[in-house]
Amino acid sequence: MTNNTGSGPGLTPAPSRPRRRLRRAAMLLLVALVVGAALVSPHWLPLVQGGTDERHFAFERSQRLLRVTAGLALPGEPDLANLSGRLAEHGLSQGAPILIRIFKREFELELWMQRDGVFHRFVTYPICRWSGTLGPKLAQGDGQAPEGFYMVDKTALNPNSRWYRSFNLGYPNSFDRAQGRTGSFLMVHGGCASVGCYAMTNAQMDEIWRLVNAALDGGQKQFQVQVYPFRMTGEKLASYSGDPNLPFWRDLKRGHDLFEATLQPPKASVCGGRYIFEPGGQDRGGNATTADSCPAASVKN
């Protein structure tokens, strides 16, 4: 029998055991350097991190996957072991109505909770992964994560999701259908993997799940999820002045600004194929439906 791993005429000598150990040590050192650099700063590769959105997203996705794979917390992650203490610091309690905002470019998910009749930002979670790029989801299979205003009720929750707990955003909503958009099962879930969804770590999803269920069990009929391409400042919108999605994003900004001015979930309607927003009320945050209607008094400016 010929031993093709040994040395001999016409055969490539097998690496010696010390050489294999050296290669393994070099690989471990490389991994340690990469992880160590990520720990020092979330922007440890400025030449990769900067530039186009595509390069920025590729960098963030690889860096976050690296940290999760290494068992490290994501940059900016709250103390998930101290939910009760953090709630107490904000004067909040489980069971209060909630609202969620998502910002794609920043990889951030905010959870707001109601206190004294208005909503307060309780926590900002770093999103582990989302797919696609800036802009709304258009069609089944395009890999895009949706943007817009969505309403989630108890029926949208799946405790046995393959991605470790999930809630369905309800895409396509009235606005999406008015645009002829297709797709289904677009969710927020755990597992740190996504094709069209917003994926959190399992530990983050545990906390979100507790707050979502407590709110819905406490009397909130549905909660609003606002999904934006980026932080909706005038400067950021101006930086995308040539983007074909700009008119859509300007409409989203009206809803964004109305919420920030009133600290109440705005009522989102669809009129003439566009989002129209009205001020919301104080009925535990459950009146902000997304429907096909043209309200008599709407926020259009």
Protein backbone atom coordinates (compact mmCIF):
# COMPACT_ATOMS: atom_id res chain seq x y z
CA MET A 1 0.00 0.00 0.00
CA THR A 2 1.32 3.42 -0.95
CA ASN A 3 1.34 6.08 1.73
CA ASN A 4 0.54 9.31 -0.12
CA THR A 5 1.05 11.45 2.97
CA GLY A 6 4.67 10.42 3.57
CA SER A 7 7.91 11.18 1.80
CA GLY A 8 9.42 9.20 -1.02
CA PRO A 9 10.21 9.36 -4.72
CA GLY A 10 7.73 11.60 -6.58
CA LEU A 11 5.78 12.43 -3.42
CA THR A 12 5.42 15.75 -1.65
CA PRO A 13 6.76 15.54 1.88
CA ALA A 14 4.03 15.93 4.48
CA PRO A 15 4.37 18.94 6.76
CA SER A 16 6.14 18.04 9.94
CA ARG A 17 4.22 18.18 13.20
CA PRO A 18 6.11 21.32 14.39
CA ARG A 19 5.29 23.03 11.09
CA ARG A 20 1.57 22.20 11.45
CA ARG A 21 1.62 23.53 14.97
CA LEU A 22 3.27 26.72 13.75
CA ARG A 23 0.61 27.22 11.08
CA ARG A 24 -2.16 26.63 13.61
CA ALA A 25 -0.58 29.09 16.02
CA ALA A 26 -0.27 31.70 13.26
CA MET A 27 -3.95 31.28 12.38
CA LEU A 28 -5.01 31.64 16.01
CA LEU A 29 -2.84 34.74 16.32
CA LEU A 30 -4.48 36.27 13.25
CA VAL A 31 -7.96 35.61 14.66
CA ALA A 32 -6.92 37.07 18.02
CA LEU A 33 -5.61 40.23 16.34
CA VAL A 34 -8.83 40.70 14.38
CA VAL A 35 -11.03 40.15 17.44
CA GLY A 36 -8.80 42.36 19.56
CA ALA A 37 -9.00 45.17 17.04
CA ALA A 38 -12.78 44.86 16.93
CA LEU A 39 -12.86 45.12 20.71
CA VAL A 40 -10.82 48.31 20.70
CA SER A 41 -13.10 50.06 18.22
CA PRO A 42 -16.10 49.15 16.06
CA HIS A 43 -14.38 51.07 13.23
CA TRP A 44 -10.98 49.41 13.21
CA LEU A 45 -10.70 49.24 9.40
CA PRO A 46 -11.36 52.80 8.22
CA LEU A 47 -10.41 52.02 4.62
CA VAL A 48 -13.07 49.30 4.54
CA GLN A 49 -15.57 50.98 6.84
CA GLY A 50 -15.62 54.24 4.90
CA GLY A 51 -16.76 54.93 1.37
CA THR A 52 -19.93 53.63 -0.22
CA ASP A 53 -22.94 52.25 1.61
CA GLU A 54 -22.15 48.80 0.22
CA ARG A 55 -18.65 48.83 1.73
CA HIS A 56 -19.99 50.19 5.01
CA PHE A 57 -22.65 47.47 5.25
CA ALA A 58 -20.20 44.72 4.29
CA PHE A 59 -17.83 45.87 7.00
CA GLU A 60 -20.51 46.11 9.69
CA ARG A 61 -21.96 42.71 8.86
CA SER A 62 -18.59 40.98 8.94
CA GLN A 63 -17.53 42.74 12.13
CA ARG A 64 -20.77 41.87 13.95
CA LEU A 65 -20.69 38.26 12.81
CA LEU A 66 -17.08 38.02 13.98
CA ARG A 67 -17.98 39.26 17.45
CA VAL A 68 -20.99 36.98 17.83
CA THR A 69 -19.00 33.99 16.61
CA ALA A 70 -16.33 34.80 19.19
CA GLY A 71 -18.97 35.01 21.94
CA LEU A 72 -18.58 38.78 22.37
CA ALA A 73 -21.29 41.38 22.93
CA LEU A 74 -22.05 43.77 20.08
CA PRO A 75 -20.86 47.39 20.43
CA GLY A 76 -23.37 49.41 22.44
CA GLU A 77 -25.27 46.40 23.75
CA PRO A 78 -27.11 47.12 27.04
CA ASP A 79 -26.72 45.11 30.23
CA LEU A 80 -29.15 42.36 29.30
CA ALA A 81 -28.75 40.70 32.70
CA ASN A 82 -30.20 43.76 34.46
CA LEU A 83 -33.54 44.43 32.77
CA SER A 84 -35.38 45.19 36.02
CA GLY A 85 -32.71 47.63 37.16
CA ARG A 86 -32.62 49.44 33.83
CA LEU A 87 -36.42 49.71 33.79
CA ALA A 88 -36.36 51.17 37.29
CA GLU A 89 -33.78 53.77 36.25
CA HIS A 90 -36.21 54.98 33.58
CA GLY A 91 -39.28 54.84 35.82
CA LEU A 92 -40.76 52.11 33.61
CA SER A 93 -42.26 48.70 34.22
CA GLN A 94 -42.98 45.61 32.14
CA GLY A 95 -46.49 45.77 30.72
CA ALA A 96 -46.26 49.37 29.58
CA PRO A 97 -47.12 49.96 25.89
CA ILE A 98 -44.15 49.85 23.53
CA LEU A 99 -43.06 51.22 20.17
CA ILE A 100 -40.09 50.16 18.04
CA ARG A 101 -37.96 52.18 15.63
CA ILE A 102 -35.35 50.64 13.32
CA PHE A 103 -32.56 52.53 11.55
CA LYS A 104 -30.88 50.48 8.83
CA ARG A 105 -27.66 52.37 8.19
CA GLU A 106 -26.88 52.67 11.88
CA PHE A 107 -27.78 49.01 12.58
CA GLU A 108 -29.94 50.12 15.52
CA LEU A 109 -33.29 49.06 16.96
CA GLU A 110 -34.87 51.37 19.55
CA LEU A 111 -37.53 50.21 21.98
CA TRP A 112 -39.72 52.96 23.44
CA MET A 113 -42.12 52.55 26.37
CA GLN A 114 -45.06 54.62 27.55
CA ARG A 115 -44.94 56.53 30.82
CA ASP A 116 -47.26 59.32 31.93
CA GLY A 117 -49.13 59.21 28.63
CA VAL A 118 -46.12 59.65 26.31
CA PHE A 119 -43.37 57.41 24.99
CA HIS A 120 -39.80 57.41 26.26
CA ARG A 121 -36.83 55.75 24.60
CA PHE A 122 -35.88 52.91 26.91
CA VAL A 123 -33.09 51.14 25.04
CA THR A 124 -31.17 51.03 21.76
CA TYR A 125 -30.07 47.57 20.65
CA PRO A 126 -27.34 47.04 18.03
CA ILE A 127 -28.87 45.01 15.20
CA CYS A 128 -26.80 41.94 14.45
CA ARG A 129 -27.72 41.63 10.77
CA TRP A 130 -30.09 42.78 8.07
CA SER A 131 -29.87 42.09 4.35
CA GLY A 132 -29.96 44.19 1.22
CA THR A 133 -29.26 47.90 1.12
CA LEU A 134 -31.08 51.18 1.73
CA GLY A 135 -34.52 51.43 0.18
CA PRO A 136 -37.82 49.57 0.55
CA LYS A 137 -38.47 45.94 -0.22
CA LEU A 138 -39.98 45.64 -3.70
CA ALA A 139 -40.51 41.97 -4.51
CA GLN A 140 -40.35 38.46 -3.14
CA GLY A 141 -36.77 37.20 -3.28
CA ASP A 142 -35.03 40.55 -3.69
CA GLY A 143 -33.23 40.13 -0.33
CA GLN A 144 -34.31 43.57 0.83
CA ALA A 145 -35.40 44.36 4.38
CA PRO A 146 -38.55 46.55 4.34
CA GLU A 147 -38.94 50.20 5.27
CA GLY A 148 -42.14 51.90 6.40
CA PHE A 149 -44.70 51.89 9.21
CA TYR A 150 -45.99 48.53 10.41
CA MET A 151 -48.38 47.34 13.11
CA VAL A 152 -47.78 44.14 15.11
CA ASP A 153 -50.36 42.31 17.23
CA LYS A 154 -50.35 39.09 19.22
CA THR A 155 -51.07 36.94 16.16
CA ALA A 156 -47.76 38.02 14.60
CA LEU A 157 -45.66 36.49 17.38
CA ASN A 158 -43.96 33.12 16.85
CA PRO A 159 -42.28 31.68 19.98
CA ASN A 160 -41.09 28.63 18.02
CA SER A 161 -39.46 30.40 15.09
CA ARG A 162 -36.56 28.59 13.40
CA TRP A 163 -34.56 31.75 14.14
CA TYR A 164 -35.34 31.75 17.87
CA ARG A 165 -38.50 33.75 18.45
CA SER A 166 -39.85 36.23 15.98
CA PHE A 167 -42.61 38.67 15.25
CA ASN A 168 -43.90 39.37 11.75
CA LEU A 169 -43.82 43.00 10.65
CA GLY A 170 -46.89 42.52 8.47
CA TYR A 171 -45.23 43.23 5.13
CA PRO A 172 -46.81 43.98 2.71
CA ASN A 173 -48.99 46.56 4.47
CA SER A 174 -51.50 48.88 2.79
CA PHE A 175 -48.78 51.13 1.43
CA ASP A 176 -46.71 48.23 0.08
CA ARG A 177 -49.76 46.70 -1.62
CA ALA A 178 -50.61 50.06 -3.20
CA GLN A 179 -47.14 49.97 -4.79
CA GLY A 180 -47.64 46.41 -6.08
CA ARG A 181 -44.91 45.04 -3.82
CA THR A 182 -44.69 41.36 -2.93
CA GLY A 183 -43.10 39.26 -0.23
CA SER A 184 -44.00 37.64 3.07
CA PHE A 185 -42.70 36.61 6.49
CA LEU A 186 -40.50 39.66 7.01
CA MET A 187 -39.66 39.59 10.69
CA VAL A 188 -37.62 40.71 13.65
CA HIS A 189 -36.03 37.61 15.15
CA GLY A 190 -32.99 36.14 16.89
CA GLY A 191 -30.24 34.05 15.36
CA CYS A 192 -28.09 36.82 13.85
CA ALA A 193 -28.84 35.72 10.27
CA SER A 194 -31.17 37.39 7.82
CA VAL A 195 -32.61 37.37 4.33
CA GLY A 196 -35.01 40.30 4.34
CA CYS A 197 -35.46 40.35 8.12
CA TYR A 198 -33.93 42.22 11.05
CA ALA A 199 -31.88 39.74 13.06
CA MET A 200 -30.89 40.30 16.68
CA THR A 201 -28.77 38.15 18.96
CA ASN A 202 -30.72 35.54 20.91
CA ALA A 203 -30.00 37.33 24.19
CA GLN A 204 -31.35 40.61 22.81
CA MET A 205 -34.40 38.84 21.42
CA ASP A 206 -35.10 37.31 24.83
CA GLU A 207 -35.40 40.79 26.32
CA ILE A 208 -37.41 42.22 23.42
CA TRP A 209 -39.72 39.20 23.58
CA ARG A 210 -40.41 39.76 27.28
CA LEU A 211 -41.26 43.43 26.77
CA VAL A 212 -43.40 42.78 23.69
CA ASN A 213 -45.42 40.05 25.38
CA ALA A 214 -45.84 42.04 28.59
CA ALA A 215 -47.18 45.02 26.63
CA LEU A 216 -49.65 42.96 24.58
CA ASP A 217 -50.75 40.98 27.64
CA GLY A 218 -51.13 44.26 29.53
CA GLY A 219 -53.74 45.68 27.19
CA GLN A 220 -51.89 47.12 24.20
CA LYS A 221 -53.72 45.77 21.14
CA GLN A 222 -50.88 46.33 18.71
CA PHE A 223 -47.60 48.19 18.61
CA GLN A 224 -46.05 50.27 15.88
CA VAL A 225 -42.74 49.50 14.20
CA GLN A 226 -41.21 52.38 12.28
CA VAL A 227 -38.44 51.32 9.88
CA TYR A 228 -36.16 54.00 8.43
CA PRO A 229 -33.18 53.87 6.05
CA PHE A 230 -31.07 56.04 8.39
CA ARG A 231 -31.38 58.67 11.12
CA MET A 232 -33.89 61.04 9.55
CA THR A 233 -32.08 64.35 9.76
CA GLY A 234 -32.30 67.01 7.08
CA GLU A 235 -28.56 66.70 6.50
CA LYS A 236 -28.75 62.96 5.95
CA LEU A 237 -31.66 63.30 3.51
CA ALA A 238 -29.73 65.98 1.61
CA SER A 239 -26.78 63.59 1.25
CA TYR A 240 -29.08 61.26 -0.74
CA SER A 241 -30.46 64.01 -2.98
CA GLY A 242 -29.96 61.94 -6.12
CA ASP A 243 -31.50 58.75 -4.79
CA PRO A 244 -34.75 57.62 -6.48
CA ASN A 245 -36.14 56.72 -3.03
CA LEU A 246 -35.89 60.33 -1.80
CA PRO A 247 -39.64 61.18 -2.19
CA PHE A 248 -40.55 58.04 -0.21
CA TRP A 249 -38.00 58.86 2.48
CA ARG A 250 -39.31 62.41 2.76
CA ASP A 251 -42.77 60.99 3.48
CA LEU A 252 -41.31 58.70 6.14
CA LYS A 253 -39.57 61.70 7.71
CA ARG A 254 -42.95 63.38 8.22
CA GLY A 255 -44.08 60.45 10.34
CA HIS A 256 -40.73 60.39 12.11
CA ASP A 257 -40.88 64.10 12.94
CA LEU A 258 -44.51 63.91 14.09
CA PHE A 259 -43.61 61.15 16.54
CA GLU A 260 -40.64 63.09 17.88
CA ALA A 261 -42.78 66.21 18.31
CA THR A 262 -45.68 64.49 20.10
CA LEU A 263 -44.06 61.33 21.57
CA GLN A 264 -47.19 59.47 20.43
CA PRO A 265 -47.34 56.87 17.62
CA PRO A 266 -48.71 58.74 14.60
CA LYS A 267 -51.69 57.39 12.71
CA ALA A 268 -50.39 56.23 9.35
CA SER A 269 -52.77 56.15 6.39
CA VAL A 270 -52.27 55.55 2.68
CA CYS A 271 -53.72 58.14 0.31
CA GLY A 272 -52.92 58.37 -3.39
CA GLY A 273 -50.18 55.78 -2.97
CA ARG A 274 -48.38 57.82 -0.29
CA TYR A 275 -48.06 57.70 3.47
CA ILE A 276 -50.18 60.32 5.24
CA PHE A 277 -49.74 60.94 8.96
CA GLU A 278 -51.98 62.33 11.69
CA PRO A 279 -51.25 62.82 15.40
CA GLY A 280 -51.96 59.76 17.53
CA GLY A 281 -53.84 59.58 20.82
CA GLN A 282 -53.13 58.19 24.28
CA ASP A 283 -55.08 54.90 24.19
CA ARG A 284 -52.12 52.73 25.22
CA GLY A 285 -50.47 53.20 21.85
CA GLY A 286 -52.82 50.90 19.97
CA ASN A 287 -54.65 53.31 17.67
CA ALA A 288 -51.93 53.89 15.11
CA THR A 289 -53.25 51.63 12.37
CA THR A 290 -51.91 51.65 8.82
CA ALA A 291 -54.99 51.77 6.60
CA ASP A 292 -56.22 52.73 3.14
CA SER A 293 -57.87 56.11 3.68
CA CYS A 294 -57.43 59.79 3.01
CA PRO A 295 -57.99 61.60 6.35
CA ALA A 296 -59.65 64.99 6.23
CA ALA A 297 -56.84 66.57 8.22
CA SER A 298 -53.45 65.07 7.39
CA VAL A 299 -49.84 66.05 7.88
CA LYS A 300 -48.42 66.67 4.41
CA ASN A 301 -45.85 69.45 4.75
